[in-house]
Amino acid sequence: DVQDKLLELVGVSDVIAGHALHGDLEALHLQHHRLLDTALLFSIKAMPKWTLSLKDLVDHVYGVEEEASAFQCEGVSHDSVQDATWAMRLALHEVVRVMDGDGRSAEIPSLPTRFLAQMQVRGMPDLSEEHLRRLFERAEAPLPETCSITCRAQCTLVEFPSAEEAKSVFEQKGLGKQWPDDDGFLCKSGGKGGSPAPGETPFIWLKSFLRISLSCSKKGQVDRSLVGKIIGHRGRRLREIRKQSGAVVVIKPAQQATDTMQPVEITAPSEEQVHEAELLMRQVGNGDRLGV
């Protein structure tokens, strides 16, 4: 019934404005090609793969307005009409800005500060809050009682009272060696919490929103026949190279089907880490196992 009603209201030539519209269209089993999606209108500086929530965008553009600060406040029930209203306001804001002569995409300088007080635990399905707290205690990095923990299928979110507390816990040595992800956010794995009790699961991957500068880089090429070895099953070897070296290694597709080499780029905080990543890639390419 909802699908039929929507089709009565929206024609092929109409523009639908909203936030993260792919989810709504999938739920309705509909296709529409004239969209104004606020999740795609705004980008974060140096983080092209990221999209922000509607609440974050409203705070960024209209944060000084009292009405905006009340939108999606904690403890207030969800209002889909308010969501649609604010998404339309953001879309019109961007249309007017572009029509006034600013053709650049709307770039947000950095992630909202609330992210700095968060940590994600990934790759641990069916994780309970009690189990998670025990793992952090074994790693000698106990979570404050005031933390909010939201357990999800593949990514458990830990929210701290402040960014300082999140940073203090993440920096504990018992949580393992730190390494950067593609966006320069610090991650950890292999800490003392990874020695589970019977029937428990070890840490797979901790992700913080602390960033480091990947200021050193080197571009080169890798023999196409070795790419599968270097990447490994589901990217495991490439992740291990990243963890051991502290460098981000990106192997790009060959430009032509007949090319025997593929472009590769290594970025890291230091030249030494770039060099270490190179050595580890050669080691894997030669068939040697990485020491864990």
C-alpha atoms as a PDB file:
ATOM      1  CA  ASP A   1       0.000   0.000   0.000  1.00  0.00           C
ATOM      2  CA  VAL A   2       2.830   2.404   0.872  1.00  0.00           C
ATOM      3  CA  GLN A   3       4.557   1.662  -2.436  1.00  0.00           C
ATOM      4  CA  ASP A   4       1.348   2.290  -4.408  1.00  0.00           C
ATOM      5  CA  LYS A   5       0.705   5.576  -2.577  1.00  0.00           C
ATOM      6  CA  LEU A   6       4.254   6.769  -3.258  1.00  0.00           C
ATOM      7  CA  LEU A   7       3.971   5.931  -6.950  1.00  0.00           C
ATOM      8  CA  GLU A   8       0.831   8.073  -7.095  1.00  0.00           C
ATOM      9  CA  LEU A   9       2.758  11.042  -5.694  1.00  0.00           C
ATOM     10  CA  VAL A  10       6.138  10.690  -7.472  1.00  0.00           C
ATOM     11  CA  GLY A  11       6.626  10.588 -11.218  1.00  0.00           C
ATOM     12  CA  VAL A  12       9.658   9.633 -13.289  1.00  0.00           C
ATOM     13  CA  SER A  13      10.660  13.286 -13.757  1.00  0.00           C
ATOM     14  CA  ASP A  14      10.291  14.242 -10.066  1.00  0.00           C
ATOM     15  CA  VAL A  15      13.312  14.747  -7.811  1.00  0.00           C
ATOM     16  CA  ILE A  16      13.320  12.945  -4.458  1.00  0.00           C
ATOM     17  CA  ALA A  17      15.296  14.702  -1.714  1.00  0.00           C
ATOM     18  CA  GLY A  18      16.361  12.883   1.448  1.00  0.00           C
ATOM     19  CA  HIS A  19      19.241  11.418   3.417  1.00  0.00           C
ATOM     20  CA  ALA A  20      20.846   8.050   2.539  1.00  0.00           C
ATOM     21  CA  LEU A  21      17.986   7.371   0.157  1.00  0.00           C
ATOM     22  CA  HIS A  22      19.340   4.012  -1.001  1.00  0.00           C
ATOM     23  CA  GLY A  23      18.065   2.434   2.237  1.00  0.00           C
ATOM     24  CA  ASP A  24      14.548   3.821   1.802  1.00  0.00           C
ATOM     25  CA  LEU A  25      14.351   2.806  -1.856  1.00  0.00           C
ATOM     26  CA  GLU A  26      15.603  -0.706  -1.087  1.00  0.00           C
ATOM     27  CA  ALA A  27      13.003  -1.102   1.680  1.00  0.00           C
ATOM     28  CA  LEU A  28      10.255  -0.006  -0.739  1.00  0.00           C
ATOM     29  CA  HIS A  29      11.619  -2.164  -3.605  1.00  0.00           C
ATOM     30  CA  LEU A  30      11.719   0.917  -5.833  1.00  0.00           C
ATOM     31  CA  GLN A  31      14.170   2.423  -8.312  1.00  0.00           C
ATOM     32  CA  HIS A  32      14.379   6.151  -8.992  1.00  0.00           C
ATOM     33  CA  HIS A  33      17.139   7.992 -10.812  1.00  0.00           C
ATOM     34  CA  ARG A  34      16.467  11.645  -9.953  1.00  0.00           C
ATOM     35  CA  LEU A  35      17.733  11.974  -6.402  1.00  0.00           C
ATOM     36  CA  LEU A  36      19.119  14.747  -4.198  1.00  0.00           C
ATOM     37  CA  ASP A  37      20.807  12.806  -1.414  1.00  0.00           C
ATOM     38  CA  THR A  38      22.229  14.906   1.422  1.00  0.00           C
ATOM     39  CA  ALA A  39      24.505  12.017   2.466  1.00  0.00           C
ATOM     40  CA  LEU A  40      26.351  12.520  -0.840  1.00  0.00           C
ATOM     41  CA  LEU A  41      26.164  16.320  -1.089  1.00  0.00           C
ATOM     42  CA  PHE A  42      28.605  16.846   1.770  1.00  0.00           C
ATOM     43  CA  SER A  43      32.127  15.429   2.016  1.00  0.00           C
ATOM     44  CA  ILE A  44      34.710  15.345   4.817  1.00  0.00           C
ATOM     45  CA  LYS A  45      38.152  16.739   4.051  1.00  0.00           C
ATOM     46  CA  ALA A  46      40.648  13.970   3.130  1.00  0.00           C
ATOM     47  CA  MET A  47      37.977  11.309   3.805  1.00  0.00           C
ATOM     48  CA  PRO A  48      36.086  10.819   0.519  1.00  0.00           C
ATOM     49  CA  LYS A  49      34.574   7.447   1.522  1.00  0.00           C
ATOM     50  CA  TRP A  50      32.841   8.819   4.618  1.00  0.00           C
ATOM     51  CA  THR A  51      29.281  10.059   4.935  1.00  0.00           C
ATOM     52  CA  LEU A  52      27.797  11.725   8.006  1.00  0.00           C
ATOM     53  CA  SER A  53      24.448  11.234   9.688  1.00  0.00           C
ATOM     54  CA  LEU A  54      21.609  13.664   9.087  1.00  0.00           C
ATOM     55  CA  LYS A  55      21.980  14.925  12.676  1.00  0.00           C
ATOM     56  CA  ASP A  56      25.685  15.680  12.124  1.00  0.00           C
ATOM     57  CA  LEU A  57      24.957  17.612   8.917  1.00  0.00           C
ATOM     58  CA  VAL A  58      22.170  19.646  10.529  1.00  0.00           C
ATOM     59  CA  ASP A  59      24.474  20.527  13.440  1.00  0.00           C
ATOM     60  CA  HIS A  60      27.242  21.549  11.005  1.00  0.00           C
ATOM     61  CA  VAL A  61      25.078  23.794   8.801  1.00  0.00           C
ATOM     62  CA  TYR A  62      22.436  25.085  11.240  1.00  0.00           C
ATOM     63  CA  GLY A  63      24.035  24.413  14.648  1.00  0.00           C
ATOM     64  CA  VAL A  64      23.586  27.972  15.928  1.00  0.00           C
ATOM     65  CA  GLU A  65      19.800  27.779  15.513  1.00  0.00           C
ATOM     66  CA  GLU A  66      17.781  26.664  18.528  1.00  0.00           C
ATOM     67  CA  GLU A  67      15.479  24.571  16.317  1.00  0.00           C
ATOM     68  CA  ALA A  68      18.470  22.700  14.880  1.00  0.00           C
ATOM     69  CA  SER A  69      19.982  21.935  18.286  1.00  0.00           C
ATOM     70  CA  ALA A  70      16.687  20.283  19.310  1.00  0.00           C
ATOM     71  CA  PHE A  71      16.670  17.961  16.255  1.00  0.00           C
ATOM     72  CA  GLN A  72      17.137  14.267  17.123  1.00  0.00           C
ATOM     73  CA  CYS A  73      18.109  15.064  20.704  1.00  0.00           C
ATOM     74  CA  GLU A  74      18.792  12.159  23.034  1.00  0.00           C
ATOM     75  CA  GLY A  75      15.618  10.973  24.739  1.00  0.00           C
ATOM     76  CA  VAL A  76      13.335  12.438  22.033  1.00  0.00           C
ATOM     77  CA  SER A  77      11.323   9.939  19.971  1.00  0.00           C
ATOM     78  CA  HIS A  78      12.206   9.610  16.301  1.00  0.00           C
ATOM     79  CA  ASP A  79      10.150  11.803  13.955  1.00  0.00           C
ATOM     80  CA  SER A  80      10.287  10.881  10.257  1.00  0.00           C
ATOM     81  CA  VAL A  81       8.557  14.145   9.274  1.00  0.00           C
ATOM     82  CA  GLN A  82      11.334  16.117  10.994  1.00  0.00           C
ATOM     83  CA  ASP A  83      13.933  13.975   9.198  1.00  0.00           C
ATOM     84  CA  ALA A  84      12.343  14.731   5.833  1.00  0.00           C
ATOM     85  CA  THR A  85      12.030  18.444   6.653  1.00  0.00           C
ATOM     86  CA  TRP A  86      15.676  18.851   7.635  1.00  0.00           C
ATOM     87  CA  ALA A  87      16.882  16.793   4.670  1.00  0.00           C
ATOM     88  CA  MET A  88      14.936  19.112   2.347  1.00  0.00           C
ATOM     89  CA  ARG A  89      16.365  22.193   4.063  1.00  0.00           C
ATOM     90  CA  LEU A  90      19.909  20.875   3.626  1.00  0.00           C
ATOM     91  CA  ALA A  91      19.266  20.034  -0.028  1.00  0.00           C
ATOM     92  CA  LEU A  92      17.850  23.502  -0.739  1.00  0.00           C
ATOM     93  CA  HIS A  93      20.767  25.074   1.148  1.00  0.00           C
ATOM     94  CA  GLU A  94      23.193  23.361  -1.241  1.00  0.00           C
ATOM     95  CA  VAL A  95      21.146  24.195  -4.352  1.00  0.00           C
ATOM     96  CA  VAL A  96      21.126  27.890  -3.414  1.00  0.00           C
ATOM     97  CA  ARG A  97      24.858  27.851  -2.606  1.00  0.00           C
ATOM     98  CA  VAL A  98      25.730  26.320  -5.986  1.00  0.00           C
ATOM     99  CA  MET A  99      23.376  28.682  -7.855  1.00  0.00           C
ATOM    100  CA  ASP A 100      25.106  31.608  -6.149  1.00  0.00           C
ATOM    101  CA  GLY A 101      28.296  30.587  -7.933  1.00  0.00           C
ATOM    102  CA  ASP A 102      30.100  28.230  -5.552  1.00  0.00           C
ATOM    103  CA  GLY A 103      30.422  25.067  -7.631  1.00  0.00           C
ATOM    104  CA  ARG A 104      32.619  23.195  -5.145  1.00  0.00           C
ATOM    105  CA  SER A 105      31.263  20.303  -3.115  1.00  0.00           C
ATOM    106  CA  ALA A 106      30.388  21.211   0.476  1.00  0.00           C
ATOM    107  CA  GLU A 107      33.483  20.085   2.393  1.00  0.00           C
ATOM    108  CA  ILE A 108      33.395  19.606   6.154  1.00  0.00           C
ATOM    109  CA  PRO A 109      36.877  20.193   7.661  1.00  0.00           C
ATOM    110  CA  SER A 110      36.856  17.219  10.067  1.00  0.00           C
ATOM    111  CA  LEU A 111      34.722  14.605  11.774  1.00  0.00           C
ATOM    112  CA  PRO A 112      32.345  15.864  14.485  1.00  0.00           C
ATOM    113  CA  THR A 113      34.100  15.902  17.856  1.00  0.00           C
ATOM    114  CA  ARG A 114      31.725  13.262  19.296  1.00  0.00           C
ATOM    115  CA  PHE A 115      33.598  10.629  17.289  1.00  0.00           C
ATOM    116  CA  LEU A 116      36.731  11.259  19.375  1.00  0.00           C
ATOM    117  CA  ALA A 117      34.896   9.849  22.403  1.00  0.00           C
ATOM    118  CA  GLN A 118      34.095   6.588  20.594  1.00  0.00           C
ATOM    119  CA  MET A 119      35.815   3.282  19.945  1.00  0.00           C
ATOM    120  CA  GLN A 120      34.650   0.386  17.767  1.00  0.00           C
ATOM    121  CA  VAL A 121      35.233  -3.318  18.398  1.00  0.00           C
ATOM    122  CA  ARG A 122      34.974  -5.175  15.088  1.00  0.00           C
ATOM    123  CA  GLY A 123      34.848  -8.781  13.941  1.00  0.00           C
ATOM    124  CA  MET A 124      33.291 -10.136  17.149  1.00  0.00           C
ATOM    125  CA  PRO A 125      29.730 -11.399  16.543  1.00  0.00           C
ATOM    126  CA  ASP A 126      27.343 -12.045  19.449  1.00  0.00           C
ATOM    127  CA  LEU A 127      29.461  -9.993  21.847  1.00  0.00           C
ATOM    128  CA  SER A 128      27.850  -9.166  25.200  1.00  0.00           C
ATOM    129  CA  GLU A 129      28.684  -6.129  27.334  1.00  0.00           C
ATOM    130  CA  GLU A 130      29.908  -8.380  30.168  1.00  0.00           C
ATOM    131  CA  HIS A 131      32.259 -10.268  27.817  1.00  0.00           C
ATOM    132  CA  LEU A 132      33.592  -7.016  26.342  1.00  0.00           C
ATOM    133  CA  ARG A 133      34.364  -5.550  29.765  1.00  0.00           C
ATOM    134  CA  ARG A 134      36.224  -8.737  30.764  1.00  0.00           C
ATOM    135  CA  LEU A 135      38.362  -8.539  27.616  1.00  0.00           C
ATOM    136  CA  PHE A 136      39.356  -4.942  28.349  1.00  0.00           C
ATOM    137  CA  GLU A 137      40.139  -5.827  31.975  1.00  0.00           C
ATOM    138  CA  ARG A 138      42.422  -8.689  30.876  1.00  0.00           C
ATOM    139  CA  ALA A 139      44.192  -6.227  28.580  1.00  0.00           C
ATOM    140  CA  GLU A 140      44.759  -3.974  31.630  1.00  0.00           C
ATOM    141  CA  ALA A 141      42.578  -1.291  30.049  1.00  0.00           C
ATOM    142  CA  PRO A 142      39.319  -1.423  32.043  1.00  0.00           C
ATOM    143  CA  LEU A 143      36.353   0.458  30.639  1.00  0.00           C
ATOM    144  CA  PRO A 144      34.834   3.152  32.894  1.00  0.00           C
ATOM    145  CA  GLU A 145      31.431   2.247  34.331  1.00  0.00           C
ATOM    146  CA  THR A 146      30.072   5.402  32.697  1.00  0.00           C
ATOM    147  CA  CYS A 147      30.756   4.027  29.192  1.00  0.00           C
ATOM    148  CA  SER A 148      27.792   3.341  26.932  1.00  0.00           C
ATOM    149  CA  ILE A 149      28.140   0.034  25.039  1.00  0.00           C
ATOM    150  CA  THR A 150      25.982  -0.843  22.036  1.00  0.00           C
ATOM    151  CA  CYS A 151      26.470  -4.439  20.888  1.00  0.00           C
ATOM    152  CA  ARG A 152      25.853  -5.086  17.187  1.00  0.00           C
ATOM    153  CA  ALA A 153      26.392  -8.052  14.868  1.00  0.00           C
ATOM    154  CA  GLN A 154      29.829  -7.068  13.498  1.00  0.00           C
ATOM    155  CA  CYS A 155      30.690  -3.760  15.175  1.00  0.00           C
ATOM    156  CA  THR A 156      30.221  -2.976  18.866  1.00  0.00           C
ATOM    157  CA  LEU A 157      30.259   0.739  19.704  1.00  0.00           C
ATOM    158  CA  VAL A 158      31.829   1.971  22.949  1.00  0.00           C
ATOM    159  CA  GLU A 159      31.019   5.603  23.819  1.00  0.00           C
ATOM    160  CA  PHE A 160      33.078   7.304  26.524  1.00  0.00           C
ATOM    161  CA  PRO A 161      32.076  10.356  28.599  1.00  0.00           C
ATOM    162  CA  SER A 162      34.907  12.328  26.977  1.00  0.00           C
ATOM    163  CA  ALA A 163      37.497  12.169  24.213  1.00  0.00           C
ATOM    164  CA  GLU A 164      40.259  12.209  26.849  1.00  0.00           C
ATOM    165  CA  GLU A 165      38.947   9.019  28.488  1.00  0.00           C
ATOM    166  CA  ALA A 166      38.630   7.261  25.114  1.00  0.00           C
ATOM    167  CA  LYS A 167      42.218   8.202  24.240  1.00  0.00           C
ATOM    168  CA  SER A 168      43.519   7.095  27.640  1.00  0.00           C
ATOM    169  CA  VAL A 169      41.970   3.616  27.330  1.00  0.00           C
ATOM    170  CA  PHE A 170      42.982   3.134  23.689  1.00  0.00           C
ATOM    171  CA  GLU A 171      46.629   3.998  24.414  1.00  0.00           C
ATOM    172  CA  GLN A 172      47.019   1.216  27.010  1.00  0.00           C
ATOM    173  CA  LYS A 173      49.787  -1.146  25.850  1.00  0.00           C
ATOM    174  CA  GLY A 174      47.797  -4.257  26.745  1.00  0.00           C
ATOM    175  CA  LEU A 175      45.454  -3.614  23.818  1.00  0.00           C
ATOM    176  CA  GLY A 176      48.234  -4.356  21.311  1.00  0.00           C
ATOM    177  CA  LYS A 177      50.235  -2.540  18.663  1.00  0.00           C
ATOM    178  CA  GLN A 178      48.628   0.411  16.912  1.00  0.00           C
ATOM    179  CA  TRP A 179      48.406   0.778  13.133  1.00  0.00           C
ATOM    180  CA  PRO A 180      46.530   3.144  10.780  1.00  0.00           C
ATOM    181  CA  ASP A 181      43.549   2.301   8.603  1.00  0.00           C
ATOM    182  CA  ASP A 182      43.033   3.818   5.130  1.00  0.00           C
ATOM    183  CA  ASP A 183      41.849   7.133   6.592  1.00  0.00           C
ATOM    184  CA  GLY A 184      44.702   7.428   9.093  1.00  0.00           C
ATOM    185  CA  PHE A 185      42.580   6.389  12.101  1.00  0.00           C
ATOM    186  CA  LEU A 186      44.486   4.371  14.679  1.00  0.00           C
ATOM    187  CA  CYS A 187      43.499   0.735  15.168  1.00  0.00           C
ATOM    188  CA  LYS A 188      44.778  -2.033  17.443  1.00  0.00           C
ATOM    189  CA  SER A 189      44.718  -5.810  17.522  1.00  0.00           C
ATOM    190  CA  GLY A 190      46.521  -8.713  19.183  1.00  0.00           C
ATOM    191  CA  GLY A 191      46.513  -7.362  22.733  1.00  0.00           C
ATOM    192  CA  LYS A 192      46.329  -9.264  26.033  1.00  0.00           C
ATOM    193  CA  GLY A 193      42.554  -9.241  25.748  1.00  0.00           C
ATOM    194  CA  GLY A 194      43.072 -11.597  22.824  1.00  0.00           C
ATOM    195  CA  SER A 195      43.828 -14.516  25.200  1.00  0.00           C
ATOM    196  CA  PRO A 196      40.249 -15.688  25.743  1.00  0.00           C
ATOM    197  CA  ALA A 197      38.831 -17.864  28.453  1.00  0.00           C
ATOM    198  CA  PRO A 198      37.183 -21.141  27.308  1.00  0.00           C
ATOM    199  CA  GLY A 199      34.169 -20.387  25.148  1.00  0.00           C
ATOM    200  CA  GLU A 200      35.101 -16.723  24.676  1.00  0.00           C
ATOM    201  CA  THR A 201      36.234 -14.867  21.551  1.00  0.00           C
ATOM    202  CA  PRO A 202      39.448 -12.760  21.387  1.00  0.00           C
ATOM    203  CA  PHE A 203      39.661  -9.206  20.158  1.00  0.00           C
ATOM    204  CA  ILE A 204      39.773  -9.042  16.369  1.00  0.00           C
ATOM    205  CA  TRP A 205      40.090  -5.314  15.751  1.00  0.00           C
ATOM    206  CA  LEU A 206      39.788  -2.115  17.796  1.00  0.00           C
ATOM    207  CA  LYS A 207      39.230   1.113  15.894  1.00  0.00           C
ATOM    208  CA  SER A 208      39.559   4.584  17.382  1.00  0.00           C
ATOM    209  CA  PHE A 209      38.934   7.966  15.785  1.00  0.00           C
ATOM    210  CA  LEU A 210      42.375   9.271  16.698  1.00  0.00           C
ATOM    211  CA  ARG A 211      44.171  10.263  13.499  1.00  0.00           C
ATOM    212  CA  ILE A 212      47.833  10.376  12.592  1.00  0.00           C
ATOM    213  CA  SER A 213      49.421  12.081   9.628  1.00  0.00           C
ATOM    214  CA  LEU A 214      50.458   9.715   6.823  1.00  0.00           C
ATOM    215  CA  SER A 215      52.992  12.244   5.588  1.00  0.00           C
ATOM    216  CA  CYS A 216      55.428   9.881   3.818  1.00  0.00           C
ATOM    217  CA  SER A 217      54.490   8.034   0.657  1.00  0.00           C
ATOM    218  CA  LYS A 218      56.007   5.998  -2.137  1.00  0.00           C
ATOM    219  CA  LYS A 219      54.478   4.875  -5.417  1.00  0.00           C
ATOM    220  CA  GLY A 220      55.619   1.883  -7.415  1.00  0.00           C
ATOM    221  CA  GLN A 221      54.452  -1.266  -9.175  1.00  0.00           C
ATOM    222  CA  VAL A 222      54.022  -4.881  -8.178  1.00  0.00           C
ATOM    223  CA  ASP A 223      54.046  -7.968 -10.399  1.00  0.00           C
ATOM    224  CA  ARG A 224      50.440  -8.885 -11.127  1.00  0.00           C
ATOM    225  CA  SER A 225      51.147 -12.586 -10.490  1.00  0.00           C
ATOM    226  CA  LEU A 226      52.118 -11.771  -6.877  1.00  0.00           C
ATOM    227  CA  VAL A 227      49.110  -9.611  -5.985  1.00  0.00           C
ATOM    228  CA  GLY A 228      47.010 -12.542  -4.773  1.00  0.00           C
ATOM    229  CA  LYS A 229      49.827 -13.700  -2.479  1.00  0.00           C
ATOM    230  CA  ILE A 230      50.332 -10.240  -1.013  1.00  0.00           C
ATOM    231  CA  ILE A 231      46.630  -9.584  -0.407  1.00  0.00           C
ATOM    232  CA  GLY A 232      45.856 -13.061   0.932  1.00  0.00           C
ATOM    233  CA  HIS A 233      42.490 -14.605   1.744  1.00  0.00           C
ATOM    234  CA  ARG A 234      39.993 -11.781   2.390  1.00  0.00           C
ATOM    235  CA  GLY A 235      42.890  -9.327   2.592  1.00  0.00           C
ATOM    236  CA  ARG A 236      44.412 -10.914   5.698  1.00  0.00           C
ATOM    237  CA  ARG A 237      48.062 -10.763   4.586  1.00  0.00           C
ATOM    238  CA  LEU A 238      47.722  -7.139   3.505  1.00  0.00           C
ATOM    239  CA  ARG A 239      46.214  -6.284   6.903  1.00  0.00           C
ATOM    240  CA  GLU A 240      49.079  -8.082   8.635  1.00  0.00           C
ATOM    241  CA  ILE A 241      51.600  -6.039   6.605  1.00  0.00           C
ATOM    242  CA  ARG A 242      49.782  -2.903   7.753  1.00  0.00           C
ATOM    243  CA  LYS A 243      49.773  -4.001  11.399  1.00  0.00           C
ATOM    244  CA  GLN A 244      53.468  -4.908  11.459  1.00  0.00           C
ATOM    245  CA  SER A 245      54.743  -1.898   9.531  1.00  0.00           C
ATOM    246  CA  GLY A 246      52.247   0.807  10.564  1.00  0.00           C
ATOM    247  CA  ALA A 247      51.895   1.734   6.861  1.00  0.00           C
ATOM    248  CA  VAL A 248      48.870   1.745   4.563  1.00  0.00           C
ATOM    249  CA  VAL A 249      49.403  -0.301   1.394  1.00  0.00           C
ATOM    250  CA  VAL A 250      46.979   0.232  -1.494  1.00  0.00           C
ATOM    251  CA  ILE A 251      47.272  -1.997  -4.581  1.00  0.00           C
ATOM    252  CA  LYS A 252      45.315  -0.483  -7.461  1.00  0.00           C
ATOM    253  CA  PRO A 253      43.813  -2.315 -10.471  1.00  0.00           C
ATOM    254  CA  ALA A 254      45.905  -2.610 -13.638  1.00  0.00           C
ATOM    255  CA  GLN A 255      45.041   0.041 -16.228  1.00  0.00           C
ATOM    256  CA  GLN A 256      44.924  -2.476 -19.093  1.00  0.00           C
ATOM    257  CA  ALA A 257      43.910  -6.136 -19.107  1.00  0.00           C
ATOM    258  CA  THR A 258      47.255  -6.986 -20.735  1.00  0.00           C
ATOM    259  CA  ASP A 259      49.386  -5.166 -18.118  1.00  0.00           C
ATOM    260  CA  THR A 260      51.745  -7.416 -16.155  1.00  0.00           C
ATOM    261  CA  MET A 261      52.233  -4.876 -13.337  1.00  0.00           C
ATOM    262  CA  GLN A 262      49.803  -3.154 -10.961  1.00  0.00           C
ATOM    263  CA  PRO A 263      50.272   0.261  -9.320  1.00  0.00           C
ATOM    264  CA  VAL A 264      50.906   0.267  -5.568  1.00  0.00           C
ATOM    265  CA  GLU A 265      51.094   3.157  -3.093  1.00  0.00           C
ATOM    266  CA  ILE A 266      52.495   2.978   0.433  1.00  0.00           C
ATOM    267  CA  THR A 267      51.789   5.776   2.940  1.00  0.00           C
ATOM    268  CA  ALA A 268      52.986   5.994   6.546  1.00  0.00           C
ATOM    269  CA  PRO A 269      54.003   8.455   9.274  1.00  0.00           C
ATOM    270  CA  SER A 270      57.726   7.825   8.566  1.00  0.00           C
ATOM    271  CA  GLU A 271      60.091   6.701   5.811  1.00  0.00           C
ATOM    272  CA  GLU A 272      61.179   3.765   7.990  1.00  0.00           C
ATOM    273  CA  GLN A 273      57.637   2.412   8.079  1.00  0.00           C
ATOM    274  CA  VAL A 274      57.295   2.778   4.301  1.00  0.00           C
ATOM    275  CA  HIS A 275      60.528   0.810   3.887  1.00  0.00           C
ATOM    276  CA  GLU A 276      59.366  -1.876   6.333  1.00  0.00           C
ATOM    277  CA  ALA A 277      56.120  -2.331   4.379  1.00  0.00           C
ATOM    278  CA  GLU A 278      58.170  -2.771   1.180  1.00  0.00           C
ATOM    279  CA  LEU A 279      60.295  -5.475   2.811  1.00  0.00           C
ATOM    280  CA  LEU A 280      57.214  -7.304   4.127  1.00  0.00           C
ATOM    281  CA  MET A 281      55.617  -7.245   0.670  1.00  0.00           C
ATOM    282  CA  ARG A 282      58.770  -8.762  -0.841  1.00  0.00           C
ATOM    283  CA  GLN A 283      58.804 -11.364   1.916  1.00  0.00           C
ATOM    284  CA  VAL A 284      55.220 -12.414   1.182  1.00  0.00           C
ATOM    285  CA  GLY A 285      55.812 -12.291  -2.581  1.00  0.00           C
ATOM    286  CA  ASN A 286      58.695 -14.735  -2.134  1.00  0.00           C
ATOM    287  CA  GLY A 287      56.385 -17.155  -0.377  1.00  0.00           C
ATOM    288  CA  ASP A 288      57.670 -16.523   3.154  1.00  0.00           C
ATOM    289  CA  ARG A 289      55.217 -16.402   6.055  1.00  0.00           C
ATOM    290  CA  LEU A 290      54.826 -13.240   8.085  1.00  0.00           C
ATOM    291  CA  GLY A 291      55.840 -13.517  11.727  1.00  0.00           C
ATOM    292  CA  VAL A 292      52.876 -12.761  13.942  1.00  0.00           C
END
